[in-house]
Protein backbone atom coordinates (compact mmCIF):
# COMPACT_ATOMS: atom_id res chain seq x y z
CA UNK A 1 0.00 0.00 0.00
CA UNK A 2 1.30 3.46 -0.90
CA UNK A 3 1.93 5.73 2.08
CA UNK A 4 1.33 9.31 0.96
CA UNK A 5 3.78 11.97 2.14
CA UNK A 6 2.43 14.71 4.39
CA UNK A 7 3.02 18.40 3.81
CA UNK A 8 4.80 18.02 0.46
CA UNK A 9 4.23 17.04 -3.13
CA UNK A 10 5.43 13.94 -4.92
CA UNK A 11 5.58 12.17 -8.29
CA UNK A 12 3.97 8.85 -9.21
CA UNK A 13 4.85 7.09 -12.47
CA UNK A 14 2.63 4.46 -14.07
CA UNK A 15 4.51 2.67 -16.85
CA UNK A 16 4.31 -0.40 -19.06
CA UNK A 17 3.62 -1.49 -22.65
CA UNK A 18 0.61 -0.79 -24.82
CA UNK A 19 -2.70 -2.19 -23.52
CA UNK A 20 -1.45 -2.64 -19.95
CA UNK A 21 -4.00 -0.26 -18.39
CA UNK A 22 -1.80 2.79 -17.74
CA UNK A 23 -4.43 5.39 -18.63
CA UNK A 24 -7.10 3.36 -16.85
CA UNK A 25 -4.98 3.45 -13.68
CA UNK A 26 -4.33 7.19 -14.05
CA UNK A 27 -8.08 7.80 -14.39
CA UNK A 28 -8.77 5.64 -11.32
CA UNK A 29 -6.31 7.63 -9.21
CA UNK A 30 -7.53 11.07 -10.25
CA UNK A 31 -11.16 10.07 -9.72
CA UNK A 32 -10.34 8.96 -6.18
CA UNK A 33 -8.66 12.34 -5.63
CA UNK A 34 -11.84 14.06 -6.82
CA UNK A 35 -13.91 11.97 -4.41
CA UNK A 36 -11.61 13.33 -1.71
CA UNK A 37 -12.56 16.82 -2.98
CA UNK A 38 -9.12 17.63 -4.29
CA UNK A 39 -8.84 19.90 -7.33
CA UNK A 40 -7.51 17.87 -10.28
CA UNK A 41 -6.17 18.86 -13.70
CA UNK A 42 -5.17 16.34 -16.36
CA UNK A 43 -3.03 17.11 -19.41
CA UNK A 44 -2.23 15.22 -22.60
CA UNK A 45 0.19 15.98 -25.47
CA UNK A 46 -1.32 17.49 -28.61
CA UNK A 47 0.02 14.64 -30.75
CA UNK A 48 -2.35 12.14 -29.13
CA UNK A 49 -5.68 12.58 -30.94
CA UNK A 50 -6.62 8.89 -31.17
CA UNK A 51 -9.88 8.99 -29.23
CA UNK A 52 -10.58 12.55 -28.10
CA UNK A 53 -9.01 15.99 -28.03
CA UNK A 54 -10.64 16.91 -24.72
CA UNK A 55 -10.28 13.70 -22.70
CA UNK A 56 -7.74 11.08 -21.78
CA UNK A 57 -9.29 7.81 -22.90
CA UNK A 58 -8.31 4.27 -22.00
CA UNK A 59 -8.47 1.45 -24.54
CA UNK A 60 -11.63 0.19 -22.81
CA UNK A 61 -13.19 3.67 -23.28
CA UNK A 62 -12.91 5.05 -19.77
CA UNK A 63 -12.66 8.84 -20.01
CA UNK A 64 -11.54 11.82 -17.98
CA UNK A 65 -11.60 15.48 -18.95
CA UNK A 66 -8.16 16.68 -20.02
CA UNK A 67 -6.42 19.70 -21.48
CA UNK A 68 -4.38 19.21 -24.64
CA UNK A 69 -1.02 21.01 -24.61
CA UNK A 70 1.63 21.49 -27.27
CA UNK A 71 4.58 21.60 -24.85
CA UNK A 72 5.50 20.67 -21.30
CA UNK A 73 5.89 24.31 -20.29
CA UNK A 74 2.29 24.96 -21.31
CA UNK A 75 1.26 22.75 -18.39
CA UNK A 76 2.73 25.32 -16.00
CA UNK A 77 0.89 28.11 -17.79
CA UNK A 78 -2.44 26.34 -17.41
CA UNK A 79 -2.12 25.13 -13.82
CA UNK A 80 -4.63 26.77 -11.51
CA UNK A 81 -3.49 27.90 -8.04
CA UNK A 82 -5.80 25.57 -6.12
CA UNK A 83 -4.96 22.43 -8.12
CA UNK A 84 -3.66 19.70 -5.81
CA UNK A 85 -3.36 16.77 -8.25
CA UNK A 86 -1.88 16.92 -11.76
CA UNK A 87 -2.19 14.06 -14.26
CA UNK A 88 0.11 13.74 -17.29
CA UNK A 89 -0.94 11.04 -19.75
CA UNK A 90 1.20 9.59 -22.58
CA UNK A 91 4.27 11.23 -21.06
CA UNK A 92 6.61 9.64 -23.61
CA UNK A 93 5.20 12.12 -26.14
CA UNK A 94 6.10 15.18 -24.07
CA UNK A 95 9.34 17.07 -24.71
CA UNK A 96 12.40 16.74 -22.47
CA UNK A 97 11.29 19.66 -20.25
CA UNK A 98 8.57 17.47 -18.73
CA UNK A 99 11.06 16.30 -16.10
CA UNK A 100 11.62 19.85 -14.86
CA UNK A 101 7.88 20.57 -15.05
CA UNK A 102 6.94 17.50 -13.01
CA UNK A 103 9.62 18.28 -10.43
CA UNK A 104 8.49 21.90 -10.13
CA UNK A 105 4.88 20.86 -9.60
CA UNK A 106 5.94 18.42 -6.89
CA UNK A 107 8.18 21.00 -5.20
CA UNK A 108 5.15 23.29 -5.13
CA UNK A 109 3.36 20.69 -3.01
CA UNK A 110 1.26 19.01 -5.70
CA UNK A 111 0.75 15.32 -6.37
CA UNK A 112 1.87 14.54 -9.92
CA UNK A 113 0.64 11.34 -11.61
CA UNK A 114 2.48 10.45 -14.82
CA UNK A 115 1.53 7.63 -17.20
CA UNK A 116 3.45 6.48 -20.25
CA UNK A 117 5.32 3.83 -22.21
CA UNK A 118 8.66 2.93 -20.67
CA UNK A 119 9.86 1.09 -23.82
CA UNK A 120 9.46 2.05 -27.48
CA UNK A 121 8.60 -0.38 -30.29
CA UNK A 122 12.27 -1.44 -30.49
CA UNK A 123 12.33 -2.47 -26.84
CA UNK A 124 14.51 0.56 -25.99
CA UNK A 125 13.82 2.84 -22.96
CA UNK A 126 11.51 5.63 -24.13
CA UNK A 127 12.71 9.05 -22.97
CA UNK A 128 11.70 10.94 -20.91
CA UNK A 129 10.10 8.06 -18.99
CA UNK A 130 13.36 6.65 -17.52
CA UNK A 131 14.25 10.09 -16.16
CA UNK A 132 10.78 10.55 -14.68
CA UNK A 133 10.95 7.11 -13.08
CA UNK A 134 14.29 7.96 -11.46
CA UNK A 135 12.95 11.05 -9.66
CA UNK A 136 9.53 9.63 -8.77
CA UNK A 137 8.67 8.63 -5.22
CA UNK A 138 6.47 5.83 -6.55
CA UNK A 139 6.72 3.74 -9.72
CA UNK A 140 4.04 1.25 -10.80
CA UNK A 141 5.04 -1.17 -13.56
CA UNK A 142 2.07 -2.71 -15.38
CA UNK A 143 2.16 -5.61 -17.82
CA UNK A 144 -0.18 -6.55 -20.63
CA UNK A 145 -1.08 -9.99 -22.03
CA UNK A 146 0.82 -11.42 -24.99
CA UNK A 147 -1.60 -11.86 -27.91
CA UNK A 148 0.38 -14.89 -29.12
CA UNK A 149 0.67 -17.06 -26.02
CA UNK A 150 -1.05 -15.33 -23.11
CA UNK A 151 2.14 -14.74 -21.11
CA UNK A 152 2.67 -11.44 -19.27
CA UNK A 153 3.74 -8.94 -21.94
CA UNK A 154 6.33 -6.20 -21.46
CA UNK A 155 6.72 -5.15 -25.10
CA UNK A 156 4.73 -3.20 -27.70
CA UNK A 157 5.01 -4.96 -31.05
CA UNK A 158 4.72 -2.54 -33.95
CA UNK A 159 2.78 -4.00 -36.87
CA UNK A 160 3.64 -1.37 -39.48
CA UNK A 161 6.96 -1.01 -41.31
CA UNK A 162 7.24 2.69 -40.52
CA UNK A 163 10.60 3.24 -38.83
CA UNK A 164 9.53 6.36 -36.94
CA UNK A 165 9.97 6.10 -33.19
CA UNK A 166 6.74 8.02 -32.61
CA UNK A 167 3.74 6.67 -34.50
CA UNK A 168 0.48 7.20 -32.65
CA UNK A 169 -1.90 4.28 -32.90
CA UNK A 170 -3.77 1.56 -31.05
CA UNK A 171 -4.71 -2.00 -32.01
CA UNK A 172 -4.37 -1.06 -35.68
CA UNK A 173 -0.63 -0.52 -35.22
CA UNK A 174 0.48 -2.36 -32.07
CA UNK A 175 0.17 -5.62 -30.18
CA UNK A 176 1.32 -6.58 -26.71
CA UNK A 177 4.01 -9.28 -26.79
CA UNK A 178 6.04 -11.24 -24.24
CA UNK A 179 9.83 -11.57 -24.44
CA UNK A 180 9.55 -14.81 -26.44
CA UNK A 181 7.24 -13.45 -29.14
CA UNK A 182 8.50 -9.88 -29.34
CA UNK A 183 10.16 -9.30 -32.74
CA UNK A 184 12.33 -6.16 -32.53
CA UNK A 185 13.70 -4.49 -35.66
CA UNK A 186 17.24 -5.25 -34.44
CA UNK A 187 17.52 -8.85 -35.60
CA UNK A 188 20.69 -9.45 -33.56
CA UNK A 189 18.50 -9.57 -30.46
CA UNK A 190 16.57 -12.46 -31.98
CA UNK A 191 19.84 -14.28 -32.74
CA UNK A 192 20.94 -13.93 -29.12
CA UNK A 193 17.56 -15.19 -27.95
CA UNK A 194 17.85 -18.24 -30.21
CA UNK A 195 21.30 -19.08 -28.88
CA UNK A 196 20.05 -18.86 -25.32
CA UNK A 197 17.03 -21.06 -26.02
CA UNK A 198 19.31 -23.75 -27.46
CA UNK A 199 21.70 -23.70 -24.49
CA UNK A 200 21.79 -26.60 -21.98
CA UNK A 201 19.35 -26.21 -19.10
CA UNK A 202 21.17 -28.34 -16.51
CA UNK A 203 24.54 -28.29 -14.79
CA UNK A 204 27.01 -25.41 -14.71
CA UNK A 205 26.17 -24.26 -18.25
CA UNK A 206 22.74 -23.18 -17.09
CA UNK A 207 24.12 -20.64 -14.62
CA UNK A 208 24.23 -16.92 -15.58
C-alpha atoms as a PDB file:
ATOM      1  CA  UNK A   1       0.000   0.000   0.000  1.00  0.00           C
ATOM      2  CA  UNK A   2       1.304   3.457  -0.901  1.00  0.00           C
ATOM      3  CA  UNK A   3       1.930   5.735   2.083  1.00  0.00           C
ATOM      4  CA  UNK A   4       1.325   9.307   0.962  1.00  0.00           C
ATOM      5  CA  UNK A   5       3.779  11.968   2.145  1.00  0.00           C
ATOM      6  CA  UNK A   6       2.434  14.714   4.392  1.00  0.00           C
ATOM      7  CA  UNK A   7       3.024  18.400   3.814  1.00  0.00           C
ATOM      8  CA  UNK A   8       4.796  18.023   0.463  1.00  0.00           C
ATOM      9  CA  UNK A   9       4.228  17.044  -3.130  1.00  0.00           C
ATOM     10  CA  UNK A  10       5.428  13.940  -4.923  1.00  0.00           C
ATOM     11  CA  UNK A  11       5.583  12.172  -8.287  1.00  0.00           C
ATOM     12  CA  UNK A  12       3.973   8.852  -9.211  1.00  0.00           C
ATOM     13  CA  UNK A  13       4.855   7.092 -12.473  1.00  0.00           C
ATOM     14  CA  UNK A  14       2.626   4.456 -14.073  1.00  0.00           C
ATOM     15  CA  UNK A  15       4.514   2.671 -16.849  1.00  0.00           C
ATOM     16  CA  UNK A  16       4.314  -0.396 -19.056  1.00  0.00           C
ATOM     17  CA  UNK A  17       3.616  -1.492 -22.645  1.00  0.00           C
ATOM     18  CA  UNK A  18       0.611  -0.788 -24.819  1.00  0.00           C
ATOM     19  CA  UNK A  19      -2.701  -2.189 -23.523  1.00  0.00           C
ATOM     20  CA  UNK A  20      -1.452  -2.644 -19.948  1.00  0.00           C
ATOM     21  CA  UNK A  21      -3.996  -0.264 -18.390  1.00  0.00           C
ATOM     22  CA  UNK A  22      -1.798   2.788 -17.738  1.00  0.00           C
ATOM     23  CA  UNK A  23      -4.432   5.391 -18.627  1.00  0.00           C
ATOM     24  CA  UNK A  24      -7.100   3.361 -16.847  1.00  0.00           C
ATOM     25  CA  UNK A  25      -4.980   3.454 -13.681  1.00  0.00           C
ATOM     26  CA  UNK A  26      -4.332   7.190 -14.051  1.00  0.00           C
ATOM     27  CA  UNK A  27      -8.080   7.803 -14.394  1.00  0.00           C
ATOM     28  CA  UNK A  28      -8.766   5.637 -11.325  1.00  0.00           C
ATOM     29  CA  UNK A  29      -6.309   7.627  -9.211  1.00  0.00           C
ATOM     30  CA  UNK A  30      -7.534  11.070 -10.250  1.00  0.00           C
ATOM     31  CA  UNK A  31     -11.163  10.068  -9.722  1.00  0.00           C
ATOM     32  CA  UNK A  32     -10.340   8.965  -6.178  1.00  0.00           C
ATOM     33  CA  UNK A  33      -8.661  12.338  -5.629  1.00  0.00           C
ATOM     34  CA  UNK A  34     -11.836  14.062  -6.815  1.00  0.00           C
ATOM     35  CA  UNK A  35     -13.914  11.966  -4.414  1.00  0.00           C
ATOM     36  CA  UNK A  36     -11.606  13.331  -1.710  1.00  0.00           C
ATOM     37  CA  UNK A  37     -12.565  16.817  -2.983  1.00  0.00           C
ATOM     38  CA  UNK A  38      -9.122  17.635  -4.286  1.00  0.00           C
ATOM     39  CA  UNK A  39      -8.837  19.897  -7.329  1.00  0.00           C
ATOM     40  CA  UNK A  40      -7.509  17.865 -10.285  1.00  0.00           C
ATOM     41  CA  UNK A  41      -6.172  18.860 -13.702  1.00  0.00           C
ATOM     42  CA  UNK A  42      -5.170  16.336 -16.355  1.00  0.00           C
ATOM     43  CA  UNK A  43      -3.033  17.105 -19.411  1.00  0.00           C
ATOM     44  CA  UNK A  44      -2.232  15.217 -22.595  1.00  0.00           C
ATOM     45  CA  UNK A  45       0.189  15.976 -25.472  1.00  0.00           C
ATOM     46  CA  UNK A  46      -1.325  17.486 -28.608  1.00  0.00           C
ATOM     47  CA  UNK A  47       0.022  14.638 -30.750  1.00  0.00           C
ATOM     48  CA  UNK A  48      -2.353  12.143 -29.126  1.00  0.00           C
ATOM     49  CA  UNK A  49      -5.676  12.582 -30.945  1.00  0.00           C
ATOM     50  CA  UNK A  50      -6.621   8.889 -31.175  1.00  0.00           C
ATOM     51  CA  UNK A  51      -9.882   8.986 -29.235  1.00  0.00           C
ATOM     52  CA  UNK A  52     -10.581  12.546 -28.096  1.00  0.00           C
ATOM     53  CA  UNK A  53      -9.007  15.990 -28.034  1.00  0.00           C
ATOM     54  CA  UNK A  54     -10.639  16.906 -24.715  1.00  0.00           C
ATOM     55  CA  UNK A  55     -10.277  13.696 -22.696  1.00  0.00           C
ATOM     56  CA  UNK A  56      -7.745  11.083 -21.780  1.00  0.00           C
ATOM     57  CA  UNK A  57      -9.287   7.808 -22.902  1.00  0.00           C
ATOM     58  CA  UNK A  58      -8.306   4.267 -21.998  1.00  0.00           C
ATOM     59  CA  UNK A  59      -8.471   1.450 -24.542  1.00  0.00           C
ATOM     60  CA  UNK A  60     -11.633   0.188 -22.815  1.00  0.00           C
ATOM     61  CA  UNK A  61     -13.188   3.670 -23.282  1.00  0.00           C
ATOM     62  CA  UNK A  62     -12.913   5.047 -19.767  1.00  0.00           C
ATOM     63  CA  UNK A  63     -12.660   8.842 -20.011  1.00  0.00           C
ATOM     64  CA  UNK A  64     -11.544  11.819 -17.979  1.00  0.00           C
ATOM     65  CA  UNK A  65     -11.604  15.484 -18.952  1.00  0.00           C
ATOM     66  CA  UNK A  66      -8.161  16.676 -20.015  1.00  0.00           C
ATOM     67  CA  UNK A  67      -6.417  19.699 -21.482  1.00  0.00           C
ATOM     68  CA  UNK A  68      -4.381  19.206 -24.641  1.00  0.00           C
ATOM     69  CA  UNK A  69      -1.023  21.009 -24.614  1.00  0.00           C
ATOM     70  CA  UNK A  70       1.629  21.494 -27.273  1.00  0.00           C
ATOM     71  CA  UNK A  71       4.583  21.596 -24.845  1.00  0.00           C
ATOM     72  CA  UNK A  72       5.501  20.673 -21.296  1.00  0.00           C
ATOM     73  CA  UNK A  73       5.891  24.311 -20.291  1.00  0.00           C
ATOM     74  CA  UNK A  74       2.288  24.959 -21.307  1.00  0.00           C
ATOM     75  CA  UNK A  75       1.263  22.753 -18.387  1.00  0.00           C
ATOM     76  CA  UNK A  76       2.732  25.325 -15.995  1.00  0.00           C
ATOM     77  CA  UNK A  77       0.893  28.110 -17.791  1.00  0.00           C
ATOM     78  CA  UNK A  78      -2.444  26.343 -17.407  1.00  0.00           C
ATOM     79  CA  UNK A  79      -2.119  25.126 -13.822  1.00  0.00           C
ATOM     80  CA  UNK A  80      -4.630  26.772 -11.509  1.00  0.00           C
ATOM     81  CA  UNK A  81      -3.486  27.901  -8.045  1.00  0.00           C
ATOM     82  CA  UNK A  82      -5.802  25.574  -6.115  1.00  0.00           C
ATOM     83  CA  UNK A  83      -4.961  22.427  -8.121  1.00  0.00           C
ATOM     84  CA  UNK A  84      -3.662  19.700  -5.813  1.00  0.00           C
ATOM     85  CA  UNK A  85      -3.359  16.766  -8.248  1.00  0.00           C
ATOM     86  CA  UNK A  86      -1.883  16.917 -11.763  1.00  0.00           C
ATOM     87  CA  UNK A  87      -2.190  14.056 -14.260  1.00  0.00           C
ATOM     88  CA  UNK A  88       0.109  13.744 -17.290  1.00  0.00           C
ATOM     89  CA  UNK A  89      -0.936  11.040 -19.752  1.00  0.00           C
ATOM     90  CA  UNK A  90       1.198   9.589 -22.582  1.00  0.00           C
ATOM     91  CA  UNK A  91       4.271  11.226 -21.056  1.00  0.00           C
ATOM     92  CA  UNK A  92       6.608   9.638 -23.613  1.00  0.00           C
ATOM     93  CA  UNK A  93       5.198  12.118 -26.142  1.00  0.00           C
ATOM     94  CA  UNK A  94       6.103  15.176 -24.065  1.00  0.00           C
ATOM     95  CA  UNK A  95       9.344  17.071 -24.710  1.00  0.00           C
ATOM     96  CA  UNK A  96      12.401  16.744 -22.470  1.00  0.00           C
ATOM     97  CA  UNK A  97      11.292  19.658 -20.253  1.00  0.00           C
ATOM     98  CA  UNK A  98       8.567  17.474 -18.733  1.00  0.00           C
ATOM     99  CA  UNK A  99      11.055  16.296 -16.100  1.00  0.00           C
ATOM    100  CA  UNK A 100      11.622  19.849 -14.865  1.00  0.00           C
ATOM    101  CA  UNK A 101       7.882  20.573 -15.053  1.00  0.00           C
ATOM    102  CA  UNK A 102       6.941  17.499 -13.007  1.00  0.00           C
ATOM    103  CA  UNK A 103       9.625  18.284 -10.432  1.00  0.00           C
ATOM    104  CA  UNK A 104       8.492  21.897 -10.130  1.00  0.00           C
ATOM    105  CA  UNK A 105       4.879  20.862  -9.604  1.00  0.00           C
ATOM    106  CA  UNK A 106       5.943  18.418  -6.894  1.00  0.00           C
ATOM    107  CA  UNK A 107       8.184  20.998  -5.197  1.00  0.00           C
ATOM    108  CA  UNK A 108       5.147  23.293  -5.133  1.00  0.00           C
ATOM    109  CA  UNK A 109       3.361  20.693  -3.007  1.00  0.00           C
ATOM    110  CA  UNK A 110       1.261  19.014  -5.695  1.00  0.00           C
ATOM    111  CA  UNK A 111       0.746  15.323  -6.370  1.00  0.00           C
ATOM    112  CA  UNK A 112       1.874  14.544  -9.923  1.00  0.00           C
ATOM    113  CA  UNK A 113       0.636  11.344 -11.607  1.00  0.00           C
ATOM    114  CA  UNK A 114       2.477  10.454 -14.818  1.00  0.00           C
ATOM    115  CA  UNK A 115       1.526   7.633 -17.196  1.00  0.00           C
ATOM    116  CA  UNK A 116       3.451   6.482 -20.254  1.00  0.00           C
ATOM    117  CA  UNK A 117       5.318   3.834 -22.207  1.00  0.00           C
ATOM    118  CA  UNK A 118       8.658   2.930 -20.670  1.00  0.00           C
ATOM    119  CA  UNK A 119       9.857   1.089 -23.821  1.00  0.00           C
ATOM    120  CA  UNK A 120       9.457   2.045 -27.485  1.00  0.00           C
ATOM    121  CA  UNK A 121       8.603  -0.379 -30.289  1.00  0.00           C
ATOM    122  CA  UNK A 122      12.269  -1.436 -30.491  1.00  0.00           C
ATOM    123  CA  UNK A 123      12.326  -2.467 -26.835  1.00  0.00           C
ATOM    124  CA  UNK A 124      14.512   0.563 -25.985  1.00  0.00           C
ATOM    125  CA  UNK A 125      13.816   2.841 -22.963  1.00  0.00           C
ATOM    126  CA  UNK A 126      11.508   5.626 -24.127  1.00  0.00           C
ATOM    127  CA  UNK A 127      12.705   9.050 -22.971  1.00  0.00           C
ATOM    128  CA  UNK A 128      11.701  10.943 -20.913  1.00  0.00           C
ATOM    129  CA  UNK A 129      10.103   8.058 -18.992  1.00  0.00           C
ATOM    130  CA  UNK A 130      13.359   6.652 -17.515  1.00  0.00           C
ATOM    131  CA  UNK A 131      14.252  10.089 -16.164  1.00  0.00           C
ATOM    132  CA  UNK A 132      10.780  10.551 -14.681  1.00  0.00           C
ATOM    133  CA  UNK A 133      10.950   7.111 -13.080  1.00  0.00           C
ATOM    134  CA  UNK A 134      14.291   7.955 -11.460  1.00  0.00           C
ATOM    135  CA  UNK A 135      12.948  11.054  -9.656  1.00  0.00           C
ATOM    136  CA  UNK A 136       9.530   9.625  -8.774  1.00  0.00           C
ATOM    137  CA  UNK A 137       8.673   8.633  -5.220  1.00  0.00           C
ATOM    138  CA  UNK A 138       6.470   5.831  -6.554  1.00  0.00           C
ATOM    139  CA  UNK A 139       6.723   3.737  -9.724  1.00  0.00           C
ATOM    140  CA  UNK A 140       4.038   1.246 -10.798  1.00  0.00           C
ATOM    141  CA  UNK A 141       5.038  -1.171 -13.562  1.00  0.00           C
ATOM    142  CA  UNK A 142       2.066  -2.707 -15.376  1.00  0.00           C
ATOM    143  CA  UNK A 143       2.162  -5.611 -17.824  1.00  0.00           C
ATOM    144  CA  UNK A 144      -0.184  -6.553 -20.633  1.00  0.00           C
ATOM    145  CA  UNK A 145      -1.078  -9.986 -22.026  1.00  0.00           C
ATOM    146  CA  UNK A 146       0.817 -11.425 -24.992  1.00  0.00           C
ATOM    147  CA  UNK A 147      -1.597 -11.859 -27.908  1.00  0.00           C
ATOM    148  CA  UNK A 148       0.376 -14.893 -29.122  1.00  0.00           C
ATOM    149  CA  UNK A 149       0.668 -17.062 -26.016  1.00  0.00           C
ATOM    150  CA  UNK A 150      -1.046 -15.327 -23.108  1.00  0.00           C
ATOM    151  CA  UNK A 151       2.139 -14.740 -21.109  1.00  0.00           C
ATOM    152  CA  UNK A 152       2.673 -11.442 -19.270  1.00  0.00           C
ATOM    153  CA  UNK A 153       3.739  -8.938 -21.940  1.00  0.00           C
ATOM    154  CA  UNK A 154       6.334  -6.202 -21.457  1.00  0.00           C
ATOM    155  CA  UNK A 155       6.719  -5.149 -25.095  1.00  0.00           C
ATOM    156  CA  UNK A 156       4.732  -3.196 -27.696  1.00  0.00           C
ATOM    157  CA  UNK A 157       5.011  -4.960 -31.046  1.00  0.00           C
ATOM    158  CA  UNK A 158       4.722  -2.543 -33.953  1.00  0.00           C
ATOM    159  CA  UNK A 159       2.778  -4.000 -36.870  1.00  0.00           C
ATOM    160  CA  UNK A 160       3.641  -1.369 -39.480  1.00  0.00           C
ATOM    161  CA  UNK A 161       6.958  -1.015 -41.308  1.00  0.00           C
ATOM    162  CA  UNK A 162       7.244   2.690 -40.518  1.00  0.00           C
ATOM    163  CA  UNK A 163      10.602   3.237 -38.831  1.00  0.00           C
ATOM    164  CA  UNK A 164       9.534   6.358 -36.938  1.00  0.00           C
ATOM    165  CA  UNK A 165       9.972   6.103 -33.187  1.00  0.00           C
ATOM    166  CA  UNK A 166       6.742   8.025 -32.611  1.00  0.00           C
ATOM    167  CA  UNK A 167       3.744   6.675 -34.503  1.00  0.00           C
ATOM    168  CA  UNK A 168       0.478   7.197 -32.654  1.00  0.00           C
ATOM    169  CA  UNK A 169      -1.904   4.281 -32.902  1.00  0.00           C
ATOM    170  CA  UNK A 170      -3.773   1.560 -31.052  1.00  0.00           C
ATOM    171  CA  UNK A 171      -4.714  -1.998 -32.014  1.00  0.00           C
ATOM    172  CA  UNK A 172      -4.370  -1.059 -35.676  1.00  0.00           C
ATOM    173  CA  UNK A 173      -0.628  -0.519 -35.222  1.00  0.00           C
ATOM    174  CA  UNK A 174       0.480  -2.356 -32.072  1.00  0.00           C
ATOM    175  CA  UNK A 175       0.171  -5.620 -30.182  1.00  0.00           C
ATOM    176  CA  UNK A 176       1.318  -6.582 -26.710  1.00  0.00           C
ATOM    177  CA  UNK A 177       4.010  -9.276 -26.790  1.00  0.00           C
ATOM    178  CA  UNK A 178       6.036 -11.236 -24.241  1.00  0.00           C
ATOM    179  CA  UNK A 179       9.827 -11.574 -24.442  1.00  0.00           C
ATOM    180  CA  UNK A 180       9.548 -14.813 -26.435  1.00  0.00           C
ATOM    181  CA  UNK A 181       7.237 -13.453 -29.143  1.00  0.00           C
ATOM    182  CA  UNK A 182       8.498  -9.882 -29.339  1.00  0.00           C
ATOM    183  CA  UNK A 183      10.160  -9.296 -32.741  1.00  0.00           C
ATOM    184  CA  UNK A 184      12.330  -6.162 -32.534  1.00  0.00           C
ATOM    185  CA  UNK A 185      13.699  -4.486 -35.659  1.00  0.00           C
ATOM    186  CA  UNK A 186      17.241  -5.245 -34.436  1.00  0.00           C
ATOM    187  CA  UNK A 187      17.516  -8.852 -35.596  1.00  0.00           C
ATOM    188  CA  UNK A 188      20.693  -9.445 -33.559  1.00  0.00           C
ATOM    189  CA  UNK A 189      18.495  -9.566 -30.455  1.00  0.00           C
ATOM    190  CA  UNK A 190      16.571 -12.462 -31.983  1.00  0.00           C
ATOM    191  CA  UNK A 191      19.838 -14.276 -32.742  1.00  0.00           C
ATOM    192  CA  UNK A 192      20.944 -13.928 -29.118  1.00  0.00           C
ATOM    193  CA  UNK A 193      17.564 -15.186 -27.947  1.00  0.00           C
ATOM    194  CA  UNK A 194      17.846 -18.244 -30.209  1.00  0.00           C
ATOM    195  CA  UNK A 195      21.296 -19.075 -28.883  1.00  0.00           C
ATOM    196  CA  UNK A 196      20.052 -18.861 -25.320  1.00  0.00           C
ATOM    197  CA  UNK A 197      17.025 -21.059 -26.021  1.00  0.00           C
ATOM    198  CA  UNK A 198      19.311 -23.749 -27.459  1.00  0.00           C
ATOM    199  CA  UNK A 199      21.702 -23.702 -24.488  1.00  0.00           C
ATOM    200  CA  UNK A 200      21.790 -26.599 -21.977  1.00  0.00           C
ATOM    201  CA  UNK A 201      19.355 -26.207 -19.100  1.00  0.00           C
ATOM    202  CA  UNK A 202      21.166 -28.344 -16.505  1.00  0.00           C
ATOM    203  CA  UNK A 203      24.535 -28.288 -14.786  1.00  0.00           C
ATOM    204  CA  UNK A 204      27.012 -25.407 -14.706  1.00  0.00           C
ATOM    205  CA  UNK A 205      26.175 -24.262 -18.246  1.00  0.00           C
ATOM    206  CA  UNK A 206      22.736 -23.180 -17.095  1.00  0.00           C
ATOM    207  CA  UNK A 207      24.125 -20.638 -14.623  1.00  0.00           C
ATOM    208  CA  UNK A 208      24.231 -16.925 -15.584  1.00  0.00           C
END
